[in-house]
Protein backbone atom coordinates (compact mmCIF):
# COMPACT_ATOMS: atom_id res chain seq x y z
CA MET A 1 -44.11 157.80 357.78
CA GLN A 2 -45.67 154.37 358.24
CA ARG A 3 -48.38 155.87 360.47
CA LEU A 4 -48.74 159.19 358.65
CA LEU A 5 -49.64 157.98 355.15
CA PRO A 6 -52.59 155.83 356.27
CA ARG A 7 -53.94 158.81 358.22
CA LEU A 8 -53.62 161.10 355.18
CA ARG A 9 -55.48 158.52 353.11
CA ASP A 10 -58.30 158.13 355.64
CA PRO A 11 -61.13 160.59 354.84
CA ALA A 12 -62.60 160.02 358.31
CA PHE A 13 -59.35 161.34 359.82
CA THR A 14 -58.06 163.91 357.31
CA HIS A 15 -59.75 166.34 354.92
CA VAL A 16 -57.29 167.67 352.36
CA LEU A 17 -58.23 171.05 350.90
CA LEU A 18 -56.70 172.36 347.69
CA VAL A 19 -56.48 176.16 347.91
CA THR A 20 -55.95 178.24 344.80
CA LEU A 21 -56.63 181.53 343.06
CA PRO A 22 -59.14 181.86 340.20
CA GLU A 23 -56.43 182.02 337.52
CA ALA A 24 -55.16 179.51 334.98
CA THR A 25 -51.70 178.80 336.39
CA PRO A 26 -52.67 178.38 340.07
CA ILE A 27 -55.64 176.16 339.17
CA HIS A 28 -53.63 173.97 336.80
CA GLU A 29 -50.80 173.66 339.33
CA ALA A 30 -53.33 172.60 341.98
CA MET A 31 -54.77 170.05 339.52
CA GLN A 32 -51.27 168.65 339.07
CA LEU A 33 -50.91 168.44 342.85
CA GLU A 34 -54.23 166.59 342.95
CA ARG A 35 -52.86 164.04 340.43
CA ASP A 36 -49.70 163.67 342.53
CA LEU A 37 -51.79 163.10 345.65
CA ALA A 38 -53.91 160.52 343.79
CA ARG A 39 -50.77 158.51 343.07
CA ALA A 40 -50.29 158.36 346.85
CA GLU A 41 -53.98 157.41 347.19
CA ILE A 42 -54.80 160.71 348.90
CA ARG A 43 -58.08 162.25 347.74
CA PRO A 44 -58.74 165.96 348.32
CA PHE A 45 -61.98 166.68 350.14
CA ALA A 46 -62.64 170.04 348.46
CA TRP A 47 -61.21 172.98 346.59
CA VAL A 48 -61.07 176.53 347.98
CA VAL A 49 -60.79 179.39 345.51
CA ASN A 50 -59.59 182.57 347.22
CA GLN A 51 -60.03 186.16 346.08
CA SER A 52 -62.74 185.40 343.52
CA LEU A 53 -64.45 188.31 341.80
CA THR A 54 -67.41 186.16 340.78
CA PRO A 55 -69.67 186.56 343.84
CA PRO A 56 -69.38 190.34 344.42
CA SER A 57 -70.81 192.84 342.00
CA VAL A 58 -68.09 194.93 340.40
CA THR A 59 -68.47 198.02 338.25
CA ASP A 60 -64.86 198.84 337.42
CA PRO A 61 -64.14 197.79 333.79
CA VAL A 62 -60.82 196.18 334.69
CA LEU A 63 -62.37 194.11 337.48
CA ARG A 64 -65.31 193.16 335.26
CA SER A 65 -62.86 191.93 332.62
CA ARG A 66 -60.94 189.96 335.22
CA ARG A 67 -64.18 188.44 336.54
CA ALA A 68 -65.15 187.35 333.02
CA HIS A 69 -61.71 185.81 332.57
CA GLU A 70 -61.86 183.89 335.85
CA ALA A 71 -65.30 182.50 334.94
CA THR A 72 -63.67 180.24 332.34
CA HIS A 73 -61.39 178.73 334.97
CA LEU A 74 -64.15 178.41 337.56
CA LYS A 75 -66.31 176.51 335.05
CA GLU A 76 -63.39 174.15 334.51
CA LEU A 77 -63.21 173.55 338.26
CA VAL A 78 -66.98 173.07 338.60
CA ASN A 79 -66.75 170.33 335.98
CA HIS A 80 -63.66 168.88 337.67
CA THR A 81 -64.57 168.64 341.34
CA GLN A 82 -67.59 167.81 343.47
CA ARG A 83 -66.87 170.32 346.24
CA MET A 84 -65.67 173.86 345.77
CA VAL A 85 -65.78 176.95 347.98
CA LEU A 86 -65.49 180.42 346.47
CA GLU A 87 -64.10 183.01 348.85
CA PRO A 88 -64.93 186.46 347.44
CA TRP A 89 -62.24 189.03 346.83
CA SER A 90 -61.79 191.38 349.76
CA ASP A 91 -59.25 194.03 350.61
CA ALA A 92 -59.89 193.13 354.25
CA PHE A 93 -57.37 190.27 353.98
CA SER A 94 -54.50 192.71 353.80
CA SER A 95 -55.74 195.01 356.56
CA SER A 96 -57.26 192.70 359.19
CA ALA A 97 -54.65 190.64 360.99
CA GLY A 98 -57.00 189.55 363.79
CA ARG A 99 -59.88 188.51 361.57
CA SER A 100 -61.16 184.97 361.79
CA ALA A 101 -60.17 182.85 358.79
CA VAL A 102 -63.76 181.70 358.22
CA ALA A 103 -66.45 184.10 359.34
CA PRO A 104 -69.01 184.40 356.55
CA SER A 105 -72.34 185.86 357.54
CA GLU A 106 -74.11 183.93 354.82
CA THR A 107 -73.36 180.83 352.77
CA LEU A 108 -74.96 180.29 349.39
CA ARG A 109 -75.03 176.83 347.83
CA GLU A 110 -75.40 176.13 344.15
CA SER A 111 -75.53 172.83 342.38
CA LYS A 112 -74.40 171.77 338.92
CA GLY A 113 -74.89 168.09 338.29
CA SER A 114 -73.16 166.23 341.07
CA ALA A 115 -70.84 169.16 341.85
CA SER A 116 -71.63 171.55 344.65
CA VAL A 117 -70.32 175.07 344.88
CA VAL A 118 -70.30 176.94 348.18
CA VAL A 119 -70.04 180.72 347.95
CA THR A 120 -69.25 182.57 351.16
CA THR A 121 -70.29 186.17 351.54
CA ASN A 122 -69.38 188.70 354.21
């Protein structure tokens, strides 16, 4: 433990990623984890939001409602963190066991103040 904690605190050695879903409870639980990590002087490098409906266009009324609901929570994160990656919702996660974890064909970057948002698209 004496050697591990300094390594976890060293941003040149370790990048901590907080991974969540675009919903109130998962985001707020991850924010609590971030506060717990801060007490140990461990600073997350970035947030990853999985299964977001914000990047893709959706026409189904239920999915459009869900996308509007998640926008509130994503705005909270944009104002909270400097680095965030949105991974779009995809049914391929459940059906592609051999797929690479990160294989976006295009990466879009947006900026809001000092925060940067990275949106990956397939």
